[in-house]
């Protein structure tokens, strides 16, 4: 199964997270063929040069070759490139598994946090763009932990083997 891994890759934190999570996925599910854009030096070596069309063509080609996308949704907003990649995947019927680990999703049953929603500028929860989330849910799922992503991938791999 060919996977496209979508996340921002410009901060050291994102770069390291991507590297660590993809290494874990490759280790635990060696049947996966994972494309991690930051490993494509032809377009993502930031000391070299790649223009917008080179990046768009290379990454779109990889999205379209994928059987499934894993998209990290964390951050102040969904990374613009990730949102674009999700749109391409949706348009081509490629399932997307969203990973949303933001801690502000906790406490959904806390009465004080719910009450604060009625006060100006006191939203205790994080907001994700519902259009982008909807595209994922129409042909995939959103999970809040890596174990759930691994379980979903394992189910999908087992289904392709039968």
C-alpha atoms as a PDB file:
ATOM      1  CA  UNK A   1       0.000   0.000   0.000  1.00  0.00           C
ATOM      2  CA  UNK A   2       1.420   3.361  -1.049  1.00  0.00           C
ATOM      3  CA  UNK A   3       0.952   6.162   1.485  1.00  0.00           C
ATOM      4  CA  UNK A   4       1.419   9.908   1.054  1.00  0.00           C
ATOM      5  CA  UNK A   5       2.372  11.530   4.378  1.00  0.00           C
ATOM      6  CA  UNK A   6       1.208  15.153   4.517  1.00  0.00           C
ATOM      7  CA  UNK A   7       2.395  17.614   7.143  1.00  0.00           C
ATOM      8  CA  UNK A   8       4.241  20.888   7.357  1.00  0.00           C
ATOM      9  CA  UNK A   9       7.974  20.363   7.104  1.00  0.00           C
ATOM     10  CA  UNK A  10       9.515  23.749   7.695  1.00  0.00           C
ATOM     11  CA  UNK A  11      10.154  23.807  11.457  1.00  0.00           C
ATOM     12  CA  UNK A  12      12.615  21.521  13.199  1.00  0.00           C
ATOM     13  CA  UNK A  13       9.726  20.243  15.311  1.00  0.00           C
ATOM     14  CA  UNK A  14       7.604  19.266  12.280  1.00  0.00           C
ATOM     15  CA  UNK A  15      10.601  17.800  10.446  1.00  0.00           C
ATOM     16  CA  UNK A  16      11.546  15.658  13.468  1.00  0.00           C
ATOM     17  CA  UNK A  17       7.926  14.608  14.159  1.00  0.00           C
ATOM     18  CA  UNK A  18       7.434  13.555  10.539  1.00  0.00           C
ATOM     19  CA  UNK A  19      10.688  11.610  10.536  1.00  0.00           C
ATOM     20  CA  UNK A  20       9.890   9.870  13.840  1.00  0.00           C
ATOM     21  CA  UNK A  21       6.296   8.963  12.963  1.00  0.00           C
ATOM     22  CA  UNK A  22       7.121   7.706   9.484  1.00  0.00           C
ATOM     23  CA  UNK A  23       9.984   5.626  10.923  1.00  0.00           C
ATOM     24  CA  UNK A  24       7.508   4.113  13.412  1.00  0.00           C
ATOM     25  CA  UNK A  25       4.990   3.344  10.652  1.00  0.00           C
ATOM     26  CA  UNK A  26       7.689   1.795   8.445  1.00  0.00           C
ATOM     27  CA  UNK A  27       8.961  -0.289  11.359  1.00  0.00           C
ATOM     28  CA  UNK A  28       5.560  -1.550  12.521  1.00  0.00           C
ATOM     29  CA  UNK A  29       3.986  -1.959   9.071  1.00  0.00           C
ATOM     30  CA  UNK A  30       6.826  -2.768   6.647  1.00  0.00           C
ATOM     31  CA  UNK A  31       4.353  -3.518   3.833  1.00  0.00           C
ATOM     32  CA  UNK A  32       3.679   0.228   3.580  1.00  0.00           C
ATOM     33  CA  UNK A  33       5.477   2.280   0.931  1.00  0.00           C
ATOM     34  CA  UNK A  34       5.468   5.764   2.469  1.00  0.00           C
ATOM     35  CA  UNK A  35       6.290   8.936   0.564  1.00  0.00           C
ATOM     36  CA  UNK A  36       7.505  11.607   2.978  1.00  0.00           C
ATOM     37  CA  UNK A  37       7.941  14.848   1.029  1.00  0.00           C
ATOM     38  CA  UNK A  38      10.857  16.065   3.159  1.00  0.00           C
ATOM     39  CA  UNK A  39      12.843  13.064   1.929  1.00  0.00           C
ATOM     40  CA  UNK A  40      12.526  14.298  -1.663  1.00  0.00           C
ATOM     41  CA  UNK A  41      15.637  16.486  -1.832  1.00  0.00           C
ATOM     42  CA  UNK A  42      14.918  17.422  -5.457  1.00  0.00           C
ATOM     43  CA  UNK A  43      12.156  19.762  -4.269  1.00  0.00           C
ATOM     44  CA  UNK A  44      12.602  20.050  -0.510  1.00  0.00           C
ATOM     45  CA  UNK A  45      16.306  20.710   0.025  1.00  0.00           C
ATOM     46  CA  UNK A  46      15.803  24.295   1.116  1.00  0.00           C
ATOM     47  CA  UNK A  47      19.446  25.183   0.422  1.00  0.00           C
ATOM     48  CA  UNK A  48      18.753  24.391  -3.262  1.00  0.00           C
ATOM     49  CA  UNK A  49      16.098  25.757  -5.613  1.00  0.00           C
ATOM     50  CA  UNK A  50      12.693  24.433  -6.608  1.00  0.00           C
ATOM     51  CA  UNK A  51       9.999  26.757  -7.890  1.00  0.00           C
ATOM     52  CA  UNK A  52       6.278  26.493  -7.200  1.00  0.00           C
ATOM     53  CA  UNK A  53       5.498  24.475 -10.316  1.00  0.00           C
ATOM     54  CA  UNK A  54       8.253  21.960  -9.608  1.00  0.00           C
ATOM     55  CA  UNK A  55       6.940  21.451  -6.070  1.00  0.00           C
ATOM     56  CA  UNK A  56       3.295  21.271  -7.186  1.00  0.00           C
ATOM     57  CA  UNK A  57       4.030  18.772  -9.953  1.00  0.00           C
ATOM     58  CA  UNK A  58       6.253  16.502  -7.844  1.00  0.00           C
ATOM     59  CA  UNK A  59       3.965  16.345  -4.819  1.00  0.00           C
ATOM     60  CA  UNK A  60       0.742  16.089  -6.844  1.00  0.00           C
ATOM     61  CA  UNK A  61       2.223  13.185  -8.794  1.00  0.00           C
ATOM     62  CA  UNK A  62       2.958  11.423  -5.490  1.00  0.00           C
ATOM     63  CA  UNK A  63      -0.512  12.163  -4.070  1.00  0.00           C
ATOM     64  CA  UNK A  64      -2.128  10.726  -7.198  1.00  0.00           C
ATOM     65  CA  UNK A  65       0.074   7.616  -7.029  1.00  0.00           C
ATOM     66  CA  UNK A  66      -0.944   6.956  -3.422  1.00  0.00           C
ATOM     67  CA  UNK A  67      -3.543   4.501  -2.207  1.00  0.00           C
ATOM     68  CA  UNK A  68      -4.075   6.515   0.962  1.00  0.00           C
ATOM     69  CA  UNK A  69      -2.954   9.751   2.607  1.00  0.00           C
ATOM     70  CA  UNK A  70      -2.075  10.414   6.220  1.00  0.00           C
ATOM     71  CA  UNK A  71      -2.559  14.133   6.940  1.00  0.00           C
ATOM     72  CA  UNK A  72      -1.420  15.797  10.155  1.00  0.00           C
ATOM     73  CA  UNK A  73      -3.974  18.448  11.099  1.00  0.00           C
ATOM     74  CA  UNK A  74      -2.182  19.952  14.108  1.00  0.00           C
ATOM     75  CA  UNK A  75      -1.045  23.560  14.321  1.00  0.00           C
ATOM     76  CA  UNK A  76      -2.732  26.937  14.686  1.00  0.00           C
ATOM     77  CA  UNK A  77      -4.478  26.106  11.381  1.00  0.00           C
ATOM     78  CA  UNK A  78      -4.162  23.160   9.020  1.00  0.00           C
ATOM     79  CA  UNK A  79      -0.995  23.708   6.970  1.00  0.00           C
ATOM     80  CA  UNK A  80      -1.970  25.289   3.625  1.00  0.00           C
ATOM     81  CA  UNK A  81      -0.017  22.713   1.625  1.00  0.00           C
ATOM     82  CA  UNK A  82      -1.614  19.869   3.578  1.00  0.00           C
ATOM     83  CA  UNK A  83      -5.080  21.318   2.954  1.00  0.00           C
ATOM     84  CA  UNK A  84      -4.307  21.490  -0.778  1.00  0.00           C
ATOM     85  CA  UNK A  85      -3.060  17.897  -0.778  1.00  0.00           C
ATOM     86  CA  UNK A  86      -6.227  16.778   1.026  1.00  0.00           C
ATOM     87  CA  UNK A  87      -8.281  18.473  -1.706  1.00  0.00           C
ATOM     88  CA  UNK A  88      -6.366  16.663  -4.447  1.00  0.00           C
ATOM     89  CA  UNK A  89      -6.770  13.326  -2.650  1.00  0.00           C
ATOM     90  CA  UNK A  90     -10.505  13.884  -2.143  1.00  0.00           C
ATOM     91  CA  UNK A  91     -11.022  14.835  -5.796  1.00  0.00           C
ATOM     92  CA  UNK A  92      -9.390  11.571  -6.876  1.00  0.00           C
ATOM     93  CA  UNK A  93     -11.150   9.362  -4.302  1.00  0.00           C
ATOM     94  CA  UNK A  94      -7.992   8.672  -2.307  1.00  0.00           C
ATOM     95  CA  UNK A  95      -8.869   7.994   1.358  1.00  0.00           C
ATOM     96  CA  UNK A  96      -7.349  10.336   3.945  1.00  0.00           C
ATOM     97  CA  UNK A  97      -6.609   9.536   7.579  1.00  0.00           C
ATOM     98  CA  UNK A  98      -6.328  12.763   9.539  1.00  0.00           C
ATOM     99  CA  UNK A  99      -4.194  12.905  12.685  1.00  0.00           C
ATOM    100  CA  UNK A 100      -5.365  15.609  15.102  1.00  0.00           C
ATOM    101  CA  UNK A 101      -3.601  15.477  18.460  1.00  0.00           C
ATOM    102  CA  UNK A 102      -4.286  19.023  19.737  1.00  0.00           C
ATOM    103  CA  UNK A 103      -4.710  18.855  23.528  1.00  0.00           C
ATOM    104  CA  UNK A 104      -7.441  21.517  23.468  1.00  0.00           C
ATOM    105  CA  UNK A 105      -9.891  18.869  22.267  1.00  0.00           C
ATOM    106  CA  UNK A 106      -9.873  17.502  25.832  1.00  0.00           C
ATOM    107  CA  UNK A 107     -12.585  18.402  28.343  1.00  0.00           C
ATOM    108  CA  UNK A 108     -15.515  18.436  25.929  1.00  0.00           C
ATOM    109  CA  UNK A 109     -17.751  17.487  28.857  1.00  0.00           C
ATOM    110  CA  UNK A 110     -16.403  20.154  31.238  1.00  0.00           C
ATOM    111  CA  UNK A 111     -19.316  22.451  32.145  1.00  0.00           C
ATOM    112  CA  UNK A 112     -17.064  25.491  32.699  1.00  0.00           C
ATOM    113  CA  UNK A 113     -15.411  25.078  29.283  1.00  0.00           C
ATOM    114  CA  UNK A 114     -18.802  24.696  27.622  1.00  0.00           C
ATOM    115  CA  UNK A 115     -20.182  27.736  29.427  1.00  0.00           C
ATOM    116  CA  UNK A 116     -17.175  29.792  28.352  1.00  0.00           C
ATOM    117  CA  UNK A 117     -18.250  29.348  24.726  1.00  0.00           C
ATOM    118  CA  UNK A 118     -20.968  31.948  25.314  1.00  0.00           C
ATOM    119  CA  UNK A 119     -18.369  34.559  26.350  1.00  0.00           C
ATOM    120  CA  UNK A 120     -16.544  36.638  23.767  1.00  0.00           C
ATOM    121  CA  UNK A 121     -13.004  35.335  23.100  1.00  0.00           C
ATOM    122  CA  UNK A 122     -13.185  32.526  25.675  1.00  0.00           C
ATOM    123  CA  UNK A 123     -13.355  29.485  23.404  1.00  0.00           C
ATOM    124  CA  UNK A 124     -11.429  26.787  25.282  1.00  0.00           C
ATOM    125  CA  UNK A 125     -11.357  24.483  22.282  1.00  0.00           C
ATOM    126  CA  UNK A 126      -9.396  24.512  19.042  1.00  0.00           C
ATOM    127  CA  UNK A 127     -11.099  25.039  15.696  1.00  0.00           C
ATOM    128  CA  UNK A 128     -10.307  23.188  12.476  1.00  0.00           C
ATOM    129  CA  UNK A 129     -11.627  24.256   9.098  1.00  0.00           C
ATOM    130  CA  UNK A 130     -14.802  22.219   8.713  1.00  0.00           C
ATOM    131  CA  UNK A 131     -14.665  22.091   4.923  1.00  0.00           C
ATOM    132  CA  UNK A 132     -11.237  20.432   5.007  1.00  0.00           C
ATOM    133  CA  UNK A 133     -12.294  18.096   7.827  1.00  0.00           C
ATOM    134  CA  UNK A 134     -15.442  17.258   5.869  1.00  0.00           C
ATOM    135  CA  UNK A 135     -13.382  16.254   2.821  1.00  0.00           C
ATOM    136  CA  UNK A 136     -11.433  13.849   5.020  1.00  0.00           C
ATOM    137  CA  UNK A 137     -14.526  12.366   6.668  1.00  0.00           C
ATOM    138  CA  UNK A 138     -16.310  11.841   3.349  1.00  0.00           C
ATOM    139  CA  UNK A 139     -13.666   9.299   2.338  1.00  0.00           C
ATOM    140  CA  UNK A 140     -11.623   8.562   5.461  1.00  0.00           C
ATOM    141  CA  UNK A 141     -11.452   9.342   9.165  1.00  0.00           C
ATOM    142  CA  UNK A 142      -9.906  11.678  11.716  1.00  0.00           C
ATOM    143  CA  UNK A 143      -8.055  10.203  14.694  1.00  0.00           C
ATOM    144  CA  UNK A 144      -6.518  11.804  17.764  1.00  0.00           C
ATOM    145  CA  UNK A 145      -3.653   9.353  18.313  1.00  0.00           C
ATOM    146  CA  UNK A 146      -1.085   7.342  16.407  1.00  0.00           C
ATOM    147  CA  UNK A 147      -2.328   4.001  17.775  1.00  0.00           C
ATOM    148  CA  UNK A 148      -5.678   4.553  16.042  1.00  0.00           C
ATOM    149  CA  UNK A 149      -3.913   5.373  12.754  1.00  0.00           C
ATOM    150  CA  UNK A 150      -1.862   2.169  13.100  1.00  0.00           C
ATOM    151  CA  UNK A 151      -5.004   0.124  13.796  1.00  0.00           C
ATOM    152  CA  UNK A 152      -6.774   1.587  10.748  1.00  0.00           C
ATOM    153  CA  UNK A 153      -3.755   0.929   8.511  1.00  0.00           C
ATOM    154  CA  UNK A 154      -3.465  -2.621   9.846  1.00  0.00           C
ATOM    155  CA  UNK A 155      -7.157  -3.274   9.027  1.00  0.00           C
ATOM    156  CA  UNK A 156      -6.706  -1.864   5.543  1.00  0.00           C
ATOM    157  CA  UNK A 157      -3.587  -3.960   4.905  1.00  0.00           C
ATOM    158  CA  UNK A 158      -5.345  -7.105   6.105  1.00  0.00           C
ATOM    159  CA  UNK A 159      -8.320  -6.352   3.840  1.00  0.00           C
ATOM    160  CA  UNK A 160      -6.036  -6.060   0.795  1.00  0.00           C
ATOM    161  CA  UNK A 161      -4.458  -9.424   1.589  1.00  0.00           C
ATOM    162  CA  UNK A 162      -7.796 -11.266   1.465  1.00  0.00           C
END
